[in-house]
Amino acid sequence: MKKKVFIAGSGISGLATAAYLARQGFTVEIFEKNEAPGGRLRQFQAEGFTFNMGPSWYWFPEVIQEFFEYFGKEVSDLFTLERLDPLFRLDFGTQLPLSIPADRKQLVSFFESVETGSGAKLDRYLNKAAQKYHQLHQEVDYYSTSNSLLHFLYQKLFNAHARYVHSLFRDPRLVTLLEFPLPYMGLVPIRHPMVAYALNYSLYEQGLYYPKGGMHQLIEALVQLLDKLDVPIHVSSPVESFDVIDDKVSGIITHGKSLHADYFIAATDYRHAEHLLPKEFRNYPEERWGAPSKAPVALIFYLGLNKKLPQLLPHTVHLEFPAHTSPSKKTSSATASFISCPSKLDASLAPQGMESLIIRINIPQGMEDTGRMREHYFEKALRMLETVCDEKITSHVVYKKTYASSDFEHDYNTHMGSPFGWSGTLAMLNERNVKMQNQQLPNLFYAEYPSFLGTGVPSALLSAKTIANKVAQEHYKYYS
């Protein structure tokens, strides 16, 4: 008789974990609190505009390709990809903005134009980054249950990435391009040199990609795959708690009813999943999650404009320095904002002659989410947008939706409204061995597991395979 697995959460990690387990012969069901699957890759429409609720692009394309190939699919058969070129525009305060080309030869020439001699140095850097990337990809079994990737990384921390970058380049803009994962994380230092090389290799060699129709195309492809694998997705069905009997999870409570299975996976916020258990069965006490950390919280504005913005690229990273601070000073004193305009690549996302925009501002954790706070940052975002586009925009905003920490908490049960999961808490960020299995309840697993080869979508897919393999090993240990 097939063993049954219940998965709480239908974000990309929950959907992908379900696919792997179904392929391995388990009976799988997914329970989702929202009205539609997708998690942060959901999409919404309003007044003729279409918006991706989470990221607009993805990187580490071979991770996505390898996932679908495992199920006999080609990405090219599922959705149409367009590579961003330029990759993004870096708006660096008072200095001239930089438009970062996607082609390596053009990127080398671009570096040389900014700083004499830096072209050859970039070539040297990217060759080294390629070696580090393939070393991670080939030598490290990041699907292992022994946490070998983390062990491997900590054994390799003998060559600080930031120190190497600073030894090669003097211009602060070039240093910033390589020292921080700008397109997604912003000004968050990369602690692991191997990871830093891998991120930059993927960005500058493999590129950023947009699936026509939006990132939700990945969710649609996964839902279709799960339909063929006979995996039902129960939407509007939040997991309210886990039933614990005889030191095992026996079932979940949803809509006040108890449903039973053999294995359970929390593909949701780690801390929230822990709070569905009695205190004595949690992996981590509350104090381990800690107070607000240095990790940022996202404040997002979804905007519809009744005009085109010819000066705007699909992707812009805007850095803002404190008063009396120049780019020659420490970059981490700046704040990062992100402007995505997918309608530049996909006319279906906005009415004719209009633009759909997504502006993400990173703000400190712990800030009270009030209407006044949101409006303050909205006015700031519009001023930034007008500076980037060099034209007046305020009167052309015909649609606006704001998404802040309380929305993240409501929709995704995230701790302190952080969109970055467990890594958004300082206490957990320093945890070298985040436990993917409950230490007292062996049939409960956590899909929010760290995978450093990429962030976001690729990390979620790698995590999914890690967890699926762990569940299978746990099963065969007892039933072989």
Protein backbone atom coordinates (compact mmCIF):
# COMPACT_ATOMS: atom_id res chain seq x y z
CA MET A 1 0.00 0.00 0.00
CA LYS A 2 1.33 3.42 -0.94
CA LYS A 3 2.31 5.70 1.91
CA LYS A 4 0.55 9.06 2.08
CA VAL A 5 2.29 12.44 2.39
CA PHE A 6 0.56 15.72 3.27
CA ILE A 7 2.30 18.96 2.30
CA ALA A 8 1.36 22.29 3.87
CA GLY A 9 1.92 25.09 1.37
CA SER A 10 1.80 25.30 -2.42
CA GLY A 11 4.67 27.64 -3.13
CA ILE A 12 7.26 26.41 -5.57
CA SER A 13 9.05 24.30 -2.93
CA GLY A 14 5.80 22.61 -1.88
CA LEU A 15 4.76 21.90 -5.46
CA ALA A 16 8.20 20.64 -6.47
CA THR A 17 8.52 18.43 -3.37
CA ALA A 18 5.13 16.92 -4.17
CA ALA A 19 6.24 16.15 -7.73
CA TYR A 20 9.42 14.40 -6.59
CA LEU A 21 7.56 12.31 -4.00
CA ALA A 22 4.77 11.35 -6.40
CA ARG A 23 7.40 10.27 -8.89
CA GLN A 24 8.90 8.04 -6.16
CA GLY A 25 5.59 6.28 -5.57
CA PHE A 26 4.06 8.18 -2.65
CA THR A 27 0.45 9.33 -2.54
CA VAL A 28 0.68 13.08 -2.07
CA GLU A 29 -1.82 15.81 -1.24
CA ILE A 30 -1.16 19.56 -0.87
CA PHE A 31 -3.02 21.93 1.46
CA GLU A 32 -2.92 25.65 0.69
CA LYS A 33 -4.36 28.45 2.83
CA ASN A 34 -4.82 30.89 -0.08
CA GLU A 35 -7.36 30.69 -2.88
CA ALA A 36 -4.79 29.68 -5.50
CA PRO A 37 -1.45 27.84 -5.54
CA GLY A 38 1.84 29.57 -6.20
CA GLY A 39 2.96 31.23 -2.98
CA ARG A 40 5.13 34.22 -3.81
CA LEU A 41 4.95 33.33 -7.50
CA ARG A 42 1.24 34.11 -7.59
CA GLN A 43 -0.07 36.67 -10.04
CA PHE A 44 -2.97 39.10 -9.94
CA GLN A 45 -4.84 41.28 -12.43
CA ALA A 46 -6.41 44.67 -11.82
CA GLU A 47 -7.83 47.26 -14.22
CA GLY A 48 -6.18 45.66 -17.23
CA PHE A 49 -2.76 45.28 -15.59
CA THR A 50 -1.07 41.99 -14.62
CA PHE A 51 1.47 41.80 -11.81
CA ASN A 52 3.84 39.14 -10.53
CA MET A 53 3.50 39.18 -6.75
CA GLY A 54 7.09 38.03 -6.25
CA PRO A 55 10.14 38.03 -8.52
CA SER A 56 9.82 39.02 -12.16
CA TRP A 57 12.92 37.15 -13.41
CA TYR A 58 14.95 34.09 -12.55
CA TRP A 59 18.61 33.11 -12.69
CA PHE A 60 20.47 29.76 -12.41
CA PRO A 61 18.55 28.58 -15.49
CA GLU A 62 20.17 25.15 -15.53
CA VAL A 63 18.65 24.36 -12.10
CA ILE A 64 15.17 25.02 -13.53
CA GLN A 65 16.05 23.09 -16.70
CA GLU A 66 17.34 20.08 -14.74
CA PHE A 67 14.19 19.97 -12.61
CA PHE A 68 11.83 19.72 -15.57
CA GLU A 69 14.14 17.33 -17.44
CA TYR A 70 13.83 14.94 -14.48
CA PHE A 71 10.13 14.70 -15.36
CA GLY A 72 10.74 14.40 -19.09
CA LYS A 73 9.98 18.02 -19.90
CA GLU A 74 11.89 20.75 -21.71
CA VAL A 75 11.56 24.31 -20.47
CA SER A 76 11.21 25.47 -24.08
CA ASP A 77 8.07 23.32 -24.39
CA LEU A 78 6.50 24.81 -21.25
CA PHE A 79 7.03 28.56 -21.68
CA THR A 80 8.92 31.07 -23.79
CA LEU A 81 11.99 32.60 -22.18
CA GLU A 82 13.55 35.95 -22.94
CA ARG A 83 16.98 36.83 -21.62
CA LEU A 84 17.29 40.34 -20.20
CA ASP A 85 19.75 42.45 -22.15
CA PRO A 86 20.86 44.73 -20.63
CA LEU A 87 20.77 42.73 -17.40
CA PHE A 88 19.82 45.78 -15.36
CA ARG A 89 20.55 49.44 -14.88
CA LEU A 90 22.54 50.42 -11.82
CA ASP A 91 21.50 53.88 -10.67
CA PHE A 92 24.28 55.05 -8.41
CA GLY A 93 23.09 58.28 -6.82
CA THR A 94 24.72 61.39 -8.25
CA GLN A 95 27.03 59.49 -10.61
CA LEU A 96 25.98 58.50 -14.11
CA PRO A 97 23.89 55.29 -14.15
CA LEU A 98 25.37 52.12 -15.56
CA SER A 99 23.59 49.85 -18.01
CA ILE A 100 24.99 46.35 -17.48
CA PRO A 101 25.23 44.31 -20.71
CA ALA A 102 24.33 40.62 -20.76
CA ASP A 103 27.01 39.52 -23.24
CA ARG A 104 30.35 38.68 -21.61
CA LYS A 105 32.52 40.37 -24.24
CA GLN A 106 30.43 43.51 -24.00
CA LEU A 107 30.59 43.32 -20.20
CA VAL A 108 34.39 43.10 -20.30
CA SER A 109 34.50 46.12 -22.63
CA PHE A 110 32.10 47.95 -20.35
CA PHE A 111 34.32 47.36 -17.29
CA GLU A 112 37.32 48.58 -19.29
CA SER A 113 35.45 51.76 -20.24
CA VAL A 114 34.78 52.50 -16.58
CA GLU A 115 38.26 51.69 -15.26
CA THR A 116 41.35 51.12 -17.38
CA GLY A 117 42.72 47.61 -16.98
CA SER A 118 39.58 46.25 -15.37
CA GLY A 119 38.43 44.33 -18.46
CA ALA A 120 41.20 41.73 -18.20
CA LYS A 121 40.66 41.57 -14.44
CA LEU A 122 36.96 40.85 -14.93
CA ASP A 123 37.87 38.05 -17.33
CA ARG A 124 40.13 36.60 -14.64
CA TYR A 125 37.42 36.96 -12.03
CA LEU A 126 34.73 35.29 -14.18
CA ASN A 127 37.05 32.38 -15.02
CA LYS A 128 37.58 31.85 -11.31
CA ALA A 129 33.84 32.20 -10.67
CA ALA A 130 33.13 29.53 -13.30
CA GLN A 131 35.49 27.12 -11.55
CA LYS A 132 33.86 27.76 -8.18
CA TYR A 133 30.37 27.36 -9.64
CA HIS A 134 31.16 24.03 -11.29
CA GLN A 135 32.99 22.89 -8.18
CA LEU A 136 29.78 23.41 -6.21
CA HIS A 137 27.64 21.89 -8.92
CA GLN A 138 29.79 18.80 -9.51
CA GLU A 139 31.61 18.01 -6.26
CA VAL A 140 28.92 18.82 -3.72
CA ASP A 141 25.93 16.59 -3.22
CA TYR A 142 23.55 19.34 -2.18
CA TYR A 143 20.75 16.78 -2.19
CA SER A 144 22.45 14.84 0.60
CA THR A 145 20.77 14.48 3.96
CA SER A 146 24.05 14.96 5.82
CA ASN A 147 24.16 18.72 5.22
CA SER A 148 27.32 18.19 3.15
CA LEU A 149 26.91 21.45 1.23
CA LEU A 150 27.04 23.53 4.38
CA HIS A 151 29.96 21.49 5.69
CA PHE A 152 31.77 21.88 2.37
CA LEU A 153 31.23 25.63 2.30
CA TYR A 154 32.52 26.19 5.79
CA GLN A 155 35.60 24.11 5.03
CA LYS A 156 36.36 26.29 2.02
CA LEU A 157 36.22 29.73 3.64
CA PHE A 158 39.91 30.56 3.25
CA ASN A 159 39.71 33.20 0.51
CA ALA A 160 37.44 36.13 1.30
CA HIS A 161 35.49 37.10 -1.79
CA ALA A 162 35.16 40.78 -0.90
CA ARG A 163 38.90 41.11 -0.33
CA TYR A 164 39.62 39.61 -3.74
CA VAL A 165 37.14 41.93 -5.49
CA HIS A 166 38.65 44.99 -3.79
CA SER A 167 42.11 43.89 -4.87
CA LEU A 168 41.01 43.86 -8.51
CA PHE A 169 38.87 47.00 -8.86
CA ARG A 170 39.00 50.54 -7.52
CA ASP A 171 35.85 52.10 -8.96
CA PRO A 172 33.13 51.65 -6.28
CA ARG A 173 30.49 50.94 -8.90
CA LEU A 174 32.43 47.96 -10.28
CA VAL A 175 33.13 46.74 -6.76
CA THR A 176 29.44 46.98 -5.93
CA LEU A 177 28.48 44.98 -9.02
CA LEU A 178 30.54 42.01 -7.82
CA GLU A 179 30.40 42.31 -4.04
CA PHE A 180 26.62 42.22 -3.64
CA PRO A 181 23.89 40.12 -5.38
CA LEU A 182 22.22 43.31 -6.61
CA PRO A 183 19.36 42.04 -8.78
CA TYR A 184 17.63 40.29 -5.88
CA MET A 185 19.09 40.79 -2.43
CA GLY A 186 20.51 44.29 -2.70
CA LEU A 187 23.17 45.46 -0.29
CA VAL A 188 23.35 42.28 1.78
CA PRO A 189 26.98 41.08 2.06
CA ILE A 190 27.63 37.55 0.84
CA ARG A 191 29.25 35.68 3.71
CA HIS A 192 30.31 32.59 1.77
CA PRO A 193 32.98 33.16 -0.92
CA MET A 194 31.99 30.06 -2.90
CA VAL A 195 28.41 31.26 -2.98
CA ALA A 196 29.43 34.77 -4.03
CA TYR A 197 31.32 33.39 -7.01
CA ALA A 198 28.41 31.11 -7.93
CA LEU A 199 25.88 33.97 -7.81
CA ASN A 200 28.03 36.22 -9.98
CA TYR A 201 28.79 33.41 -12.41
CA SER A 202 25.09 32.75 -12.90
CA LEU A 203 24.25 36.44 -13.22
CA TYR A 204 27.01 37.53 -15.59
CA GLU A 205 27.50 34.30 -17.55
CA GLN A 206 24.09 32.60 -17.54
CA GLY A 207 21.93 35.72 -17.26
CA LEU A 208 18.46 36.69 -16.05
CA TYR A 209 15.38 35.26 -17.76
CA TYR A 210 11.76 36.30 -18.11
CA PRO A 211 9.07 33.67 -18.88
CA LYS A 212 6.51 35.22 -21.23
CA GLY A 213 3.31 35.72 -19.29
CA GLY A 214 5.21 36.17 -16.02
CA MET A 215 6.89 34.03 -13.40
CA HIS A 216 3.54 32.42 -12.67
CA GLN A 217 4.21 30.33 -15.80
CA LEU A 218 6.47 28.17 -13.61
CA ILE A 219 3.57 27.55 -11.24
CA GLU A 220 1.23 26.68 -14.10
CA ALA A 221 3.81 24.21 -15.44
CA LEU A 222 4.14 22.62 -12.00
CA VAL A 223 0.37 22.42 -11.50
CA GLN A 224 0.01 20.67 -14.87
CA LEU A 225 2.78 18.26 -13.91
CA LEU A 226 1.10 17.47 -10.59
CA ASP A 227 -2.22 16.93 -12.34
CA LYS A 228 -0.58 14.21 -14.46
CA LEU A 229 0.95 12.75 -11.29
CA ASP A 230 -2.52 12.68 -9.61
CA VAL A 231 -1.55 15.10 -6.83
CA PRO A 232 -4.55 17.15 -5.63
CA ILE A 233 -4.09 20.72 -4.38
CA HIS A 234 -6.64 21.72 -1.74
CA VAL A 235 -6.86 25.51 -1.85
CA SER A 236 -8.49 27.63 0.87
CA SER A 237 -7.48 24.82 3.23
CA PRO A 238 -5.04 26.09 5.85
CA VAL A 239 -3.27 23.62 8.10
CA GLU A 240 -4.45 24.78 11.51
CA SER A 241 -2.34 22.39 13.60
CA PHE A 242 -0.57 19.02 13.60
CA ASP A 243 -2.02 16.11 15.57
CA VAL A 244 0.67 14.39 17.65
CA ILE A 245 0.15 10.84 18.97
CA ASP A 246 2.87 8.57 20.40
CA ASP A 247 5.75 10.83 19.32
CA LYS A 248 4.63 10.98 15.71
CA VAL A 249 2.45 13.33 13.71
CA SER A 250 -0.72 11.42 13.00
CA GLY A 251 -2.60 14.04 11.02
CA ILE A 252 -3.40 17.66 10.27
CA ILE A 253 -6.35 19.78 11.28
CA THR A 254 -7.94 21.79 8.49
CA HIS A 255 -11.42 23.34 8.64
CA GLY A 256 -11.68 21.74 12.08
CA LYS A 257 -11.35 18.21 10.68
CA SER A 258 -8.52 15.78 11.31
CA LEU A 259 -6.98 14.16 8.22
CA HIS A 260 -4.44 11.38 8.56
CA ALA A 261 -1.26 10.54 6.63
CA ASP A 262 2.10 8.83 7.13
CA TYR A 263 4.46 11.73 6.47
CA PHE A 264 4.09 15.52 6.70
CA ILE A 265 6.04 18.35 5.09
CA ALA A 266 5.77 21.99 6.09
CA ALA A 267 6.49 23.92 2.89
CA THR A 268 5.74 27.15 4.65
CA ASP A 269 7.45 29.60 6.98
CA TYR A 270 9.61 27.53 9.33
CA ARG A 271 8.66 29.39 12.51
CA HIS A 272 4.96 29.27 11.62
CA ALA A 273 5.19 25.50 11.09
CA GLU A 274 6.84 25.14 14.50
CA HIS A 275 3.96 27.06 16.07
CA LEU A 276 1.49 24.49 14.73
CA LEU A 277 3.07 22.08 17.24
CA PRO A 278 2.99 21.95 21.04
CA LYS A 279 6.09 23.71 22.45
CA GLU A 280 7.72 20.50 23.59
CA PHE A 281 7.92 19.21 20.00
CA ARG A 282 9.51 22.25 18.34
CA ASN A 283 13.05 22.14 17.00
CA TYR A 284 13.85 25.65 18.18
CA PRO A 285 12.75 27.64 21.25
CA GLU A 286 11.25 31.04 20.55
CA GLU A 287 14.38 32.96 21.61
CA ARG A 288 16.36 31.34 18.77
CA TRP A 289 14.32 33.32 16.28
CA GLY A 290 15.52 36.47 17.94
CA ALA A 291 14.62 40.12 17.77
CA PRO A 292 14.48 42.08 14.50
CA SER A 293 17.72 41.52 12.61
CA LYS A 294 19.71 43.46 10.06
CA ALA A 295 18.02 41.54 7.28
CA PRO A 296 15.55 43.81 5.42
CA VAL A 297 11.81 43.61 4.96
CA ALA A 298 10.29 44.23 1.54
CA LEU A 299 7.83 47.04 0.87
CA ILE A 300 6.32 46.59 -2.59
CA PHE A 301 4.31 48.95 -4.79
CA TYR A 302 2.40 47.55 -7.77
CA LEU A 303 1.70 50.44 -10.12
CA GLY A 304 -0.19 50.88 -13.38
CA LEU A 305 0.78 53.93 -15.46
CA ASN A 306 -1.25 55.38 -18.32
CA LYS A 307 1.88 56.16 -20.33
CA LYS A 308 5.07 54.52 -21.57
CA LEU A 309 8.42 55.22 -19.93
CA PRO A 310 11.01 55.16 -22.73
CA GLN A 311 13.94 55.84 -20.37
CA LEU A 312 13.20 52.86 -18.15
CA LEU A 313 14.78 49.43 -18.59
CA PRO A 314 12.94 46.25 -17.55
CA HIS A 315 15.11 46.01 -14.43
CA THR A 316 16.69 48.86 -12.43
CA VAL A 317 18.63 48.78 -9.16
CA HIS A 318 18.69 52.17 -7.44
CA LEU A 319 21.19 52.86 -4.66
CA GLU A 320 20.65 55.78 -2.33
CA PHE A 321 23.38 57.05 -0.05
CA PRO A 322 22.81 58.91 3.21
CA ALA A 323 23.30 62.67 3.23
CA HIS A 324 26.94 63.76 2.90
CA THR A 325 27.95 60.25 1.85
CA SER A 326 29.48 59.57 -1.56
CA PRO A 327 29.77 56.27 -3.46
CA SER A 328 33.44 56.21 -2.49
CA LYS A 329 32.34 55.50 1.07
CA LYS A 330 31.28 52.11 2.33
CA THR A 331 28.51 50.84 0.05
CA SER A 332 26.64 49.13 2.87
CA SER A 333 25.66 52.57 4.16
CA ALA A 334 23.34 52.87 1.17
CA THR A 335 19.83 51.49 0.70
CA ALA A 336 18.72 49.54 -2.36
CA SER A 337 15.47 49.75 -4.28
CA PHE A 338 14.35 47.72 -7.29
CA ILE A 339 12.19 48.76 -10.22
CA SER A 340 10.81 45.99 -12.42
CA CYS A 341 8.92 46.85 -15.59
CA PRO A 342 8.03 43.50 -17.21
CA SER A 343 5.62 45.20 -19.62
CA LYS A 344 8.78 46.31 -21.46
CA LEU A 345 9.21 42.66 -22.45
CA ASP A 346 5.60 41.51 -22.44
CA ALA A 347 2.89 43.78 -23.84
CA SER A 348 0.17 41.48 -22.46
CA LEU A 349 0.85 42.75 -18.92
CA ALA A 350 -0.54 46.26 -19.49
CA PRO A 351 -3.15 47.96 -21.69
CA GLN A 352 -1.82 49.44 -24.92
CA GLY A 353 0.33 52.50 -24.36
CA MET A 354 0.65 51.80 -20.62
CA GLU A 355 3.18 50.20 -18.25
CA SER A 356 2.94 47.80 -15.30
CA LEU A 357 5.58 48.54 -12.67
CA ILE A 358 6.76 46.83 -9.50
CA ILE A 359 8.88 48.83 -7.08
CA ARG A 360 10.46 47.03 -4.14
CA ILE A 361 12.08 48.99 -1.33
CA ASN A 362 14.06 47.27 1.40
CA ILE A 363 13.21 48.73 4.80
CA PRO A 364 14.42 47.76 8.30
CA GLN A 365 12.76 44.92 10.17
CA GLY A 366 10.58 45.88 13.10
CA MET A 367 9.22 49.07 11.54
CA GLU A 368 5.52 49.49 12.34
CA ASP A 369 3.37 48.88 9.28
CA THR A 370 1.05 51.90 9.14
CA GLY A 371 -0.71 53.79 6.37
CA ARG A 372 1.49 56.77 7.11
CA MET A 373 4.65 54.68 6.74
CA ARG A 374 3.44 53.25 3.44
CA GLU A 375 2.60 56.68 2.03
CA HIS A 376 5.96 58.06 3.13
CA TYR A 377 7.79 55.39 1.20
CA PHE A 378 5.41 55.63 -1.75
CA GLU A 379 6.20 59.33 -2.17
CA LYS A 380 9.88 58.46 -1.88
CA ALA A 381 9.49 55.71 -4.51
CA LEU A 382 7.81 58.10 -6.93
CA ARG A 383 10.58 60.66 -6.51
CA MET A 384 13.13 57.93 -7.18
CA LEU A 385 11.20 56.77 -10.26
CA GLU A 386 10.99 60.29 -11.63
CA THR A 387 14.73 60.69 -11.12
CA VAL A 388 15.47 57.44 -12.92
CA CYS A 389 13.11 58.23 -15.81
CA ASP A 390 13.85 61.99 -15.88
CA GLU A 391 10.17 62.90 -16.22
CA LYS A 392 7.06 63.56 -14.14
CA ILE A 393 5.10 60.42 -13.29
CA THR A 394 2.86 61.07 -10.27
CA SER A 395 -0.16 62.24 -12.26
CA HIS A 396 0.06 59.17 -14.53
CA VAL A 397 -0.44 56.55 -11.79
CA VAL A 398 -3.86 55.02 -12.53
CA TYR A 399 -3.51 51.91 -10.36
CA LYS A 400 -1.70 51.36 -7.05
CA LYS A 401 -1.45 48.45 -4.63
CA THR A 402 0.89 48.41 -1.64
CA TYR A 403 2.24 45.21 -0.10
CA ALA A 404 4.09 45.38 3.22
CA SER A 405 5.07 43.30 6.25
CA SER A 406 1.53 42.77 7.54
CA ASP A 407 0.52 41.46 4.10
CA PHE A 408 3.41 38.99 4.12
CA GLU A 409 2.35 37.86 7.58
CA HIS A 410 -1.29 37.47 6.52
CA ASP A 411 -0.67 35.71 3.21
CA TYR A 412 2.39 33.63 4.07
CA ASN A 413 2.54 33.56 7.90
CA THR A 414 6.07 34.96 7.70
CA HIS A 415 8.03 35.84 10.82
CA MET A 416 8.15 39.65 11.27
CA GLY A 417 6.85 40.04 7.74
CA SER A 418 10.16 38.98 6.24
CA PRO A 419 9.89 37.74 2.64
CA PHE A 420 13.16 35.83 3.02
CA GLY A 421 12.01 33.09 5.40
CA TRP A 422 14.21 31.70 8.15
CA SER A 423 17.25 33.56 6.80
CA GLY A 424 15.51 36.83 7.63
CA THR A 425 16.24 36.30 11.31
CA LEU A 426 19.74 36.92 12.59
CA ALA A 427 19.65 34.07 15.10
CA MET A 428 18.67 31.59 12.39
CA LEU A 429 20.93 33.12 9.74
CA ASN A 430 23.88 32.11 11.92
CA GLU A 431 22.54 28.59 12.38
CA ARG A 432 24.87 26.28 10.45
CA ASN A 433 22.70 23.21 10.66
CA VAL A 434 19.08 24.21 10.14
CA LYS A 435 17.15 21.05 10.86
CA MET A 436 15.00 19.82 7.99
CA GLN A 437 13.48 17.02 10.10
CA ASN A 438 11.73 17.41 13.43
CA GLN A 439 14.05 15.97 16.06
CA GLN A 440 11.24 14.40 18.11
CA LEU A 441 8.64 13.69 15.42
CA PRO A 442 10.52 11.74 12.72
CA ASN A 443 7.70 11.90 10.16
CA LEU A 444 7.60 15.73 10.05
CA PHE A 445 9.89 17.63 7.68
CA TYR A 446 10.52 21.28 6.79
CA ALA A 447 10.89 22.24 3.13
CA GLU A 448 12.32 25.65 3.95
CA TYR A 449 15.79 24.19 3.91
CA PRO A 450 18.92 26.22 3.03
CA SER A 451 20.40 25.66 -0.39
CA PHE A 452 23.11 28.09 -1.39
CA LEU A 453 23.36 27.41 -5.11
CA GLY A 454 21.10 30.29 -6.00
CA THR A 455 18.31 32.11 -4.24
CA GLY A 456 14.54 32.11 -4.62
CA VAL A 457 13.24 29.73 -7.30
CA PRO A 458 16.42 27.66 -7.87
CA SER A 459 17.03 27.36 -4.14
CA ALA A 460 13.43 26.20 -3.61
CA LEU A 461 13.81 23.52 -6.29
CA LEU A 462 17.04 22.21 -4.78
CA SER A 463 15.42 22.24 -1.35
CA ALA A 464 12.49 20.24 -2.73
CA LYS A 465 14.71 17.44 -3.94
CA THR A 466 16.62 17.42 -0.66
CA ILE A 467 13.43 17.00 1.36
CA ALA A 468 11.87 14.45 -1.00
CA ASN A 469 14.99 12.29 -0.81
CA LYS A 470 15.05 12.59 2.96
CA VAL A 471 11.42 11.44 3.23
CA ALA A 472 12.12 8.51 0.91
CA GLN A 473 15.18 7.48 2.94
CA GLU A 474 13.22 7.73 6.17
CA HIS A 475 10.49 5.54 4.67
CA TYR A 476 12.78 2.86 3.28
CA LYS A 477 14.73 2.74 6.55
CA TYR A 478 11.61 1.40 8.25
CA TYR A 479 9.86 -0.42 5.41
CA SER A 480 12.65 -1.98 3.36
